């Protein structure tokens, strides 16, 4: 068992923090808000990176950050349900807390069509325009990550048996591109917008965080500061 204060103290010095989530489990989002609140309470300059928005939506987030757009208008104009699809109310408290406390939010994902292009064509066959929208370097050679990626298909043996090695390589390259893009954009925004006491808290699916093989490993290609990952664990309440 760890308290919020204990966790905040352990994160002193961390500049890049990845907090995993199950998108439709409210308990995960409460933990994310709790982490953000505790970091701010400790005097950290908190920035929030968002998986749910591609970097092309940053102008919409800038309006939210500035407090110059109503909540319902923001959800509509930022194309929340097209970009993400999960219900706004899973994340609403985090967004409201950020705006009320002047915490800036950043879009760190890349447009879906870019990841799809990597899956179909591979990294080496992207057009110059497509290549310009992904990081300059992406690591696709990590065997541990490949093993984890295969494990994501547990229970779908028929899919794995019929999948060619070329198809698997394309899907894995797309996953690495997805992780790397979010890590790269988080690092870029931290370096451009954060001071020496800043911490970029990236809210992201737990699959990108597990065992530090996804986004954290890719972010390490461009960032040599202190990083950490958190994946909340559901605990059964036996009281009563």
C-alpha atoms as a PDB file:
ATOM      1  CA  UNK A   1       0.000   0.000   0.000  1.00  0.00           C
ATOM      2  CA  UNK A   2       1.273   3.457  -0.888  1.00  0.00           C
ATOM      3  CA  UNK A   3      -0.215   6.845  -0.108  1.00  0.00           C
ATOM      4  CA  UNK A   4      -0.454   9.714  -2.541  1.00  0.00           C
ATOM      5  CA  UNK A   5       2.193  11.553  -0.558  1.00  0.00           C
ATOM      6  CA  UNK A   6       4.564   8.570  -0.689  1.00  0.00           C
ATOM      7  CA  UNK A   7       4.082   8.300  -4.416  1.00  0.00           C
ATOM      8  CA  UNK A   8       4.662  12.011  -4.956  1.00  0.00           C
ATOM      9  CA  UNK A   9       7.916  11.810  -2.987  1.00  0.00           C
ATOM     10  CA  UNK A  10       9.098   8.841  -5.046  1.00  0.00           C
ATOM     11  CA  UNK A  11       8.486  10.866  -8.205  1.00  0.00           C
ATOM     12  CA  UNK A  12      10.708  13.758  -7.139  1.00  0.00           C
ATOM     13  CA  UNK A  13      13.166  14.330  -9.965  1.00  0.00           C
ATOM     14  CA  UNK A  14      11.095  12.420 -12.534  1.00  0.00           C
ATOM     15  CA  UNK A  15      10.670  14.573 -15.646  1.00  0.00           C
ATOM     16  CA  UNK A  16       8.681  12.205 -17.829  1.00  0.00           C
ATOM     17  CA  UNK A  17       5.929  10.117 -16.244  1.00  0.00           C
ATOM     18  CA  UNK A  18       3.672   7.629 -18.039  1.00  0.00           C
ATOM     19  CA  UNK A  19       0.451   6.714 -16.229  1.00  0.00           C
ATOM     20  CA  UNK A  20      -1.287   3.719 -17.775  1.00  0.00           C
ATOM     21  CA  UNK A  21      -5.027   3.308 -17.917  1.00  0.00           C
ATOM     22  CA  UNK A  22      -7.828   1.001 -18.873  1.00  0.00           C
ATOM     23  CA  UNK A  23      -9.788   3.472 -20.984  1.00  0.00           C
ATOM     24  CA  UNK A  24     -13.236   2.558 -19.685  1.00  0.00           C
ATOM     25  CA  UNK A  25     -12.386   1.984 -16.016  1.00  0.00           C
ATOM     26  CA  UNK A  26     -13.105   5.071 -13.933  1.00  0.00           C
ATOM     27  CA  UNK A  27     -10.805   3.878 -11.138  1.00  0.00           C
ATOM     28  CA  UNK A  28      -7.781   4.316 -13.394  1.00  0.00           C
ATOM     29  CA  UNK A  29      -8.748   7.876 -14.237  1.00  0.00           C
ATOM     30  CA  UNK A  30      -9.217   8.706 -10.553  1.00  0.00           C
ATOM     31  CA  UNK A  31      -5.668   7.520  -9.930  1.00  0.00           C
ATOM     32  CA  UNK A  32      -4.401   9.644 -12.823  1.00  0.00           C
ATOM     33  CA  UNK A  33      -6.061  12.722 -11.335  1.00  0.00           C
ATOM     34  CA  UNK A  34      -4.709  11.847  -7.913  1.00  0.00           C
ATOM     35  CA  UNK A  35      -1.160  11.638  -9.289  1.00  0.00           C
ATOM     36  CA  UNK A  36      -1.510  14.977 -11.094  1.00  0.00           C
ATOM     37  CA  UNK A  37      -2.953  16.629  -7.995  1.00  0.00           C
ATOM     38  CA  UNK A  38      -0.179  15.304  -5.746  1.00  0.00           C
ATOM     39  CA  UNK A  39       2.599  16.398  -8.101  1.00  0.00           C
ATOM     40  CA  UNK A  40       1.146  19.892  -8.225  1.00  0.00           C
ATOM     41  CA  UNK A  41       0.769  19.925  -4.435  1.00  0.00           C
ATOM     42  CA  UNK A  42       4.488  19.217  -4.159  1.00  0.00           C
ATOM     43  CA  UNK A  43       5.221  22.319  -6.205  1.00  0.00           C
ATOM     44  CA  UNK A  44       6.008  20.632  -9.503  1.00  0.00           C
ATOM     45  CA  UNK A  45       5.233  22.353 -12.801  1.00  0.00           C
ATOM     46  CA  UNK A  46       2.873  19.756 -14.233  1.00  0.00           C
ATOM     47  CA  UNK A  47       2.245  19.317 -17.956  1.00  0.00           C
ATOM     48  CA  UNK A  48      -0.197  16.704 -19.261  1.00  0.00           C
ATOM     49  CA  UNK A  49       0.315  14.687 -22.439  1.00  0.00           C
ATOM     50  CA  UNK A  50      -2.745  13.072 -24.003  1.00  0.00           C
ATOM     51  CA  UNK A  51      -2.860   9.885 -26.047  1.00  0.00           C
ATOM     52  CA  UNK A  52      -6.401  10.675 -27.138  1.00  0.00           C
ATOM     53  CA  UNK A  53      -5.440  13.597 -29.368  1.00  0.00           C
ATOM     54  CA  UNK A  54      -3.089  13.655 -32.365  1.00  0.00           C
ATOM     55  CA  UNK A  55      -0.688  16.588 -32.433  1.00  0.00           C
ATOM     56  CA  UNK A  56      -2.802  18.167 -35.180  1.00  0.00           C
ATOM     57  CA  UNK A  57      -5.426  18.971 -32.525  1.00  0.00           C
ATOM     58  CA  UNK A  58      -3.080  21.087 -30.407  1.00  0.00           C
ATOM     59  CA  UNK A  59      -4.831  24.347 -31.413  1.00  0.00           C
ATOM     60  CA  UNK A  60      -8.022  23.020 -29.812  1.00  0.00           C
ATOM     61  CA  UNK A  61      -6.144  22.175 -26.624  1.00  0.00           C
ATOM     62  CA  UNK A  62      -4.558  25.613 -26.613  1.00  0.00           C
ATOM     63  CA  UNK A  63      -8.046  27.106 -26.492  1.00  0.00           C
ATOM     64  CA  UNK A  64      -8.911  24.826 -23.590  1.00  0.00           C
ATOM     65  CA  UNK A  65      -5.669  25.708 -21.811  1.00  0.00           C
ATOM     66  CA  UNK A  66      -6.467  29.390 -22.199  1.00  0.00           C
ATOM     67  CA  UNK A  67      -9.981  28.948 -20.809  1.00  0.00           C
ATOM     68  CA  UNK A  68     -11.454  30.577 -23.888  1.00  0.00           C
ATOM     69  CA  UNK A  69     -13.831  27.802 -24.914  1.00  0.00           C
ATOM     70  CA  UNK A  70     -16.833  26.240 -23.189  1.00  0.00           C
ATOM     71  CA  UNK A  71     -16.716  22.572 -22.228  1.00  0.00           C
ATOM     72  CA  UNK A  72     -19.386  21.444 -24.714  1.00  0.00           C
ATOM     73  CA  UNK A  73     -17.832  23.548 -27.448  1.00  0.00           C
ATOM     74  CA  UNK A  74     -14.408  22.054 -26.774  1.00  0.00           C
ATOM     75  CA  UNK A  75     -15.703  18.487 -26.988  1.00  0.00           C
ATOM     76  CA  UNK A  76     -17.295  19.286 -30.351  1.00  0.00           C
ATOM     77  CA  UNK A  77     -14.588  21.418 -31.979  1.00  0.00           C
ATOM     78  CA  UNK A  78     -11.719  19.177 -30.855  1.00  0.00           C
ATOM     79  CA  UNK A  79     -13.555  16.215 -32.401  1.00  0.00           C
ATOM     80  CA  UNK A  80     -13.288  14.235 -29.175  1.00  0.00           C
ATOM     81  CA  UNK A  81     -15.522  11.401 -30.308  1.00  0.00           C
ATOM     82  CA  UNK A  82     -13.871  11.115 -33.705  1.00  0.00           C
ATOM     83  CA  UNK A  83     -10.354  11.226 -32.288  1.00  0.00           C
ATOM     84  CA  UNK A  84     -10.987   9.010 -29.267  1.00  0.00           C
ATOM     85  CA  UNK A  85     -14.497   7.589 -29.008  1.00  0.00           C
ATOM     86  CA  UNK A  86     -14.566   6.783 -25.298  1.00  0.00           C
ATOM     87  CA  UNK A  87     -16.983   8.823 -23.218  1.00  0.00           C
ATOM     88  CA  UNK A  88     -15.848  12.319 -22.310  1.00  0.00           C
ATOM     89  CA  UNK A  89     -16.906  11.846 -18.688  1.00  0.00           C
ATOM     90  CA  UNK A  90     -14.132   9.309 -18.074  1.00  0.00           C
ATOM     91  CA  UNK A  91     -11.677  12.193 -18.479  1.00  0.00           C
ATOM     92  CA  UNK A  92     -13.777  15.231 -17.613  1.00  0.00           C
ATOM     93  CA  UNK A  93     -12.512  15.717 -14.050  1.00  0.00           C
ATOM     94  CA  UNK A  94      -8.904  15.652 -15.249  1.00  0.00           C
ATOM     95  CA  UNK A  95      -9.571  18.258 -17.926  1.00  0.00           C
ATOM     96  CA  UNK A  96     -11.471  20.511 -15.528  1.00  0.00           C
ATOM     97  CA  UNK A  97      -8.781  20.236 -12.853  1.00  0.00           C
ATOM     98  CA  UNK A  98      -6.095  21.074 -15.394  1.00  0.00           C
ATOM     99  CA  UNK A  99      -7.896  24.182 -16.590  1.00  0.00           C
ATOM    100  CA  UNK A 100      -8.775  25.356 -13.095  1.00  0.00           C
ATOM    101  CA  UNK A 101      -5.140  25.100 -12.005  1.00  0.00           C
ATOM    102  CA  UNK A 102      -3.410  26.372 -15.129  1.00  0.00           C
ATOM    103  CA  UNK A 103      -1.967  22.984 -16.078  1.00  0.00           C
ATOM    104  CA  UNK A 104      -1.256  22.888 -19.798  1.00  0.00           C
ATOM    105  CA  UNK A 105      -2.356  19.906 -21.859  1.00  0.00           C
ATOM    106  CA  UNK A 106      -0.617  18.631 -24.981  1.00  0.00           C
ATOM    107  CA  UNK A 107      -1.641  16.327 -27.821  1.00  0.00           C
ATOM    108  CA  UNK A 108       1.087  13.694 -28.206  1.00  0.00           C
ATOM    109  CA  UNK A 109      -0.429  11.119 -30.555  1.00  0.00           C
ATOM    110  CA  UNK A 110       0.081  10.978 -34.306  1.00  0.00           C
ATOM    111  CA  UNK A 111      -2.744  10.840 -36.883  1.00  0.00           C
ATOM    112  CA  UNK A 112      -4.124   7.335 -37.381  1.00  0.00           C
ATOM    113  CA  UNK A 113      -3.445   7.365 -41.086  1.00  0.00           C
ATOM    114  CA  UNK A 114       0.291   7.644 -40.417  1.00  0.00           C
ATOM    115  CA  UNK A 115       0.330   4.507 -38.238  1.00  0.00           C
ATOM    116  CA  UNK A 116      -1.833   2.722 -40.809  1.00  0.00           C
ATOM    117  CA  UNK A 117       0.650   3.630 -43.549  1.00  0.00           C
ATOM    118  CA  UNK A 118       3.468   2.047 -41.543  1.00  0.00           C
ATOM    119  CA  UNK A 119       1.427  -1.113 -41.030  1.00  0.00           C
ATOM    120  CA  UNK A 120       0.650  -1.397 -44.757  1.00  0.00           C
ATOM    121  CA  UNK A 121       3.935  -0.286 -46.298  1.00  0.00           C
ATOM    122  CA  UNK A 122       6.610  -0.526 -43.629  1.00  0.00           C
ATOM    123  CA  UNK A 123       8.841   2.247 -42.360  1.00  0.00           C
ATOM    124  CA  UNK A 124      11.174   2.079 -45.344  1.00  0.00           C
ATOM    125  CA  UNK A 125       8.436   2.663 -47.919  1.00  0.00           C
ATOM    126  CA  UNK A 126       6.723   5.726 -46.510  1.00  0.00           C
ATOM    127  CA  UNK A 127       6.302   8.778 -48.683  1.00  0.00           C
ATOM    128  CA  UNK A 128       8.404  11.830 -47.720  1.00  0.00           C
ATOM    129  CA  UNK A 129       5.272  13.489 -46.352  1.00  0.00           C
ATOM    130  CA  UNK A 130       4.385  10.436 -44.230  1.00  0.00           C
ATOM    131  CA  UNK A 131       7.958  10.083 -42.985  1.00  0.00           C
ATOM    132  CA  UNK A 132       7.967  13.727 -41.892  1.00  0.00           C
ATOM    133  CA  UNK A 133       5.144  12.987 -39.439  1.00  0.00           C
ATOM    134  CA  UNK A 134       6.963  10.354 -37.385  1.00  0.00           C
ATOM    135  CA  UNK A 135      10.098  10.542 -35.207  1.00  0.00           C
ATOM    136  CA  UNK A 136      13.513  10.451 -36.893  1.00  0.00           C
ATOM    137  CA  UNK A 137      14.272   7.133 -35.218  1.00  0.00           C
ATOM    138  CA  UNK A 138      12.043   4.209 -34.204  1.00  0.00           C
ATOM    139  CA  UNK A 139      13.328   1.018 -32.592  1.00  0.00           C
ATOM    140  CA  UNK A 140      11.618  -2.082 -34.008  1.00  0.00           C
ATOM    141  CA  UNK A 141      14.258  -4.628 -32.994  1.00  0.00           C
ATOM    142  CA  UNK A 142      13.442  -5.316 -29.341  1.00  0.00           C
ATOM    143  CA  UNK A 143      12.693  -9.019 -28.907  1.00  0.00           C
ATOM    144  CA  UNK A 144      11.085  -8.592 -25.477  1.00  0.00           C
ATOM    145  CA  UNK A 145       8.616  -6.120 -26.947  1.00  0.00           C
ATOM    146  CA  UNK A 146       7.838  -8.537 -29.777  1.00  0.00           C
ATOM    147  CA  UNK A 147       7.105 -11.239 -27.205  1.00  0.00           C
ATOM    148  CA  UNK A 148       4.794  -8.899 -25.297  1.00  0.00           C
ATOM    149  CA  UNK A 149       3.094  -7.836 -28.524  1.00  0.00           C
ATOM    150  CA  UNK A 150       2.394 -11.476 -29.395  1.00  0.00           C
ATOM    151  CA  UNK A 151       0.990 -11.967 -25.896  1.00  0.00           C
ATOM    152  CA  UNK A 152      -1.562  -9.242 -26.588  1.00  0.00           C
ATOM    153  CA  UNK A 153      -3.158 -11.712 -29.017  1.00  0.00           C
ATOM    154  CA  UNK A 154      -3.617 -14.374 -26.316  1.00  0.00           C
ATOM    155  CA  UNK A 155      -6.884 -16.180 -26.929  1.00  0.00           C
ATOM    156  CA  UNK A 156      -6.733 -15.356 -30.631  1.00  0.00           C
ATOM    157  CA  UNK A 157      -4.527 -18.267 -31.703  1.00  0.00           C
ATOM    158  CA  UNK A 158      -6.380 -18.592 -34.999  1.00  0.00           C
ATOM    159  CA  UNK A 159      -5.317 -15.060 -35.868  1.00  0.00           C
ATOM    160  CA  UNK A 160      -1.670 -15.751 -35.044  1.00  0.00           C
ATOM    161  CA  UNK A 161      -1.640 -19.024 -36.991  1.00  0.00           C
ATOM    162  CA  UNK A 162      -2.948 -17.370 -40.135  1.00  0.00           C
ATOM    163  CA  UNK A 163      -0.810 -14.247 -39.838  1.00  0.00           C
ATOM    164  CA  UNK A 164       2.219 -14.165 -42.111  1.00  0.00           C
ATOM    165  CA  UNK A 165       5.545 -12.985 -40.757  1.00  0.00           C
ATOM    166  CA  UNK A 166       5.301  -9.977 -43.072  1.00  0.00           C
ATOM    167  CA  UNK A 167       1.896  -9.063 -41.657  1.00  0.00           C
ATOM    168  CA  UNK A 168       3.165  -9.437 -38.080  1.00  0.00           C
ATOM    169  CA  UNK A 169       6.214  -7.286 -38.833  1.00  0.00           C
ATOM    170  CA  UNK A 170       3.958  -4.596 -40.281  1.00  0.00           C
ATOM    171  CA  UNK A 171       1.700  -4.616 -37.231  1.00  0.00           C
ATOM    172  CA  UNK A 172       4.659  -4.538 -34.853  1.00  0.00           C
ATOM    173  CA  UNK A 173       6.283  -1.671 -36.765  1.00  0.00           C
ATOM    174  CA  UNK A 174       3.002   0.225 -36.521  1.00  0.00           C
ATOM    175  CA  UNK A 175       2.872  -0.384 -32.753  1.00  0.00           C
ATOM    176  CA  UNK A 176       6.457   0.841 -32.363  1.00  0.00           C
ATOM    177  CA  UNK A 177       5.660   3.900 -34.474  1.00  0.00           C
ATOM    178  CA  UNK A 178       2.648   4.629 -32.281  1.00  0.00           C
ATOM    179  CA  UNK A 179       4.711   4.327 -29.083  1.00  0.00           C
ATOM    180  CA  UNK A 180       7.647   6.272 -30.496  1.00  0.00           C
ATOM    181  CA  UNK A 181       5.502   9.104 -31.824  1.00  0.00           C
ATOM    182  CA  UNK A 182       3.812   9.644 -28.472  1.00  0.00           C
ATOM    183  CA  UNK A 183       7.121   9.455 -26.624  1.00  0.00           C
ATOM    184  CA  UNK A 184       8.837  11.822 -29.044  1.00  0.00           C
ATOM    185  CA  UNK A 185       6.016  14.373 -28.935  1.00  0.00           C
ATOM    186  CA  UNK A 186       5.898  14.224 -25.141  1.00  0.00           C
ATOM    187  CA  UNK A 187       9.647  14.890 -24.950  1.00  0.00           C
ATOM    188  CA  UNK A 188       9.450  17.737 -27.460  1.00  0.00           C
ATOM    189  CA  UNK A 189       6.636  19.451 -25.569  1.00  0.00           C
ATOM    190  CA  UNK A 190       8.408  19.010 -22.239  1.00  0.00           C
ATOM    191  CA  UNK A 191      11.607  20.531 -23.583  1.00  0.00           C
ATOM    192  CA  UNK A 192       9.846  23.412 -25.336  1.00  0.00           C
ATOM    193  CA  UNK A 193       7.280  24.302 -22.681  1.00  0.00           C
ATOM    194  CA  UNK A 194       8.553  23.068 -19.326  1.00  0.00           C
ATOM    195  CA  UNK A 195      10.993  24.630 -16.903  1.00  0.00           C
ATOM    196  CA  UNK A 196      13.635  22.806 -14.839  1.00  0.00           C
ATOM    197  CA  UNK A 197      11.007  21.661 -12.308  1.00  0.00           C
ATOM    198  CA  UNK A 198       8.510  20.441 -14.907  1.00  0.00           C
ATOM    199  CA  UNK A 199       7.122  16.942 -15.172  1.00  0.00           C
ATOM    200  CA  UNK A 200       5.245  15.751 -18.252  1.00  0.00           C
ATOM    201  CA  UNK A 201       2.503  13.330 -17.161  1.00  0.00           C
ATOM    202  CA  UNK A 202       1.354  11.268 -20.144  1.00  0.00           C
ATOM    203  CA  UNK A 203      -2.079   9.636 -19.855  1.00  0.00           C
ATOM    204  CA  UNK A 204      -1.986   6.541 -22.003  1.00  0.00           C
ATOM    205  CA  UNK A 205      -3.276   2.999 -22.373  1.00  0.00           C
ATOM    206  CA  UNK A 206      -1.567   0.468 -20.109  1.00  0.00           C
ATOM    207  CA  UNK A 207      -0.495  -1.621 -23.087  1.00  0.00           C
ATOM    208  CA  UNK A 208       1.863   1.170 -24.115  1.00  0.00           C
ATOM    209  CA  UNK A 209       3.348   1.257 -20.611  1.00  0.00           C
ATOM    210  CA  UNK A 210       3.658  -2.409 -19.593  1.00  0.00           C
ATOM    211  CA  UNK A 211       7.167  -3.516 -18.603  1.00  0.00           C
ATOM    212  CA  UNK A 212       8.599  -0.229 -19.955  1.00  0.00           C
ATOM    213  CA  UNK A 213       8.804  -1.848 -23.392  1.00  0.00           C
ATOM    214  CA  UNK A 214       6.577   0.588 -25.284  1.00  0.00           C
ATOM    215  CA  UNK A 215       6.554   4.348 -24.955  1.00  0.00           C
ATOM    216  CA  UNK A 216       9.205   4.623 -22.224  1.00  0.00           C
ATOM    217  CA  UNK A 217      11.722   2.555 -24.182  1.00  0.00           C
ATOM    218  CA  UNK A 218      11.129   4.614 -27.317  1.00  0.00           C
ATOM    219  CA  UNK A 219      11.259   7.936 -25.433  1.00  0.00           C
ATOM    220  CA  UNK A 220      14.688   6.932 -24.139  1.00  0.00           C
ATOM    221  CA  UNK A 221      16.004   7.358 -27.693  1.00  0.00           C
ATOM    222  CA  UNK A 222      15.758  11.144 -27.270  1.00  0.00           C
ATOM    223  CA  UNK A 223      15.534  11.763 -23.542  1.00  0.00           C
ATOM    224  CA  UNK A 224      18.209  11.060 -20.947  1.00  0.00           C
ATOM    225  CA  UNK A 225      16.337  12.551 -17.995  1.00  0.00           C
ATOM    226  CA  UNK A 226      14.616  10.562 -15.279  1.00  0.00           C
ATOM    227  CA  UNK A 227      11.510   8.672 -16.424  1.00  0.00           C
ATOM    228  CA  UNK A 228       8.981   6.505 -14.622  1.00  0.00           C
ATOM    229  CA  UNK A 229       5.842   4.532 -15.398  1.00  0.00           C
ATOM    230  CA  UNK A 230       2.781   3.783 -13.290  1.00  0.00           C
ATOM    231  CA  UNK A 231       0.127   1.178 -14.002  1.00  0.00           C
ATOM    232  CA  UNK A 232      -2.606   1.219 -11.326  1.00  0.00           C
ATOM    233  CA  UNK A 233      -3.673  -2.177 -10.031  1.00  0.00           C
ATOM    234  CA  UNK A 234      -7.253  -2.893  -9.090  1.00  0.00           C
ATOM    235  CA  UNK A 235      -7.552  -4.033  -5.467  1.00  0.00           C
ATOM    236  CA  UNK A 236     -10.622  -5.833  -4.165  1.00  0.00           C
ATOM    237  CA  UNK A 237     -12.352  -3.981  -1.361  1.00  0.00           C
ATOM    238  CA  UNK A 238     -13.111  -6.652   1.251  1.00  0.00           C
ATOM    239  CA  UNK A 239     -14.606  -4.279   3.822  1.00  0.00           C
ATOM    240  CA  UNK A 240     -18.187  -5.134   4.602  1.00  0.00           C
END
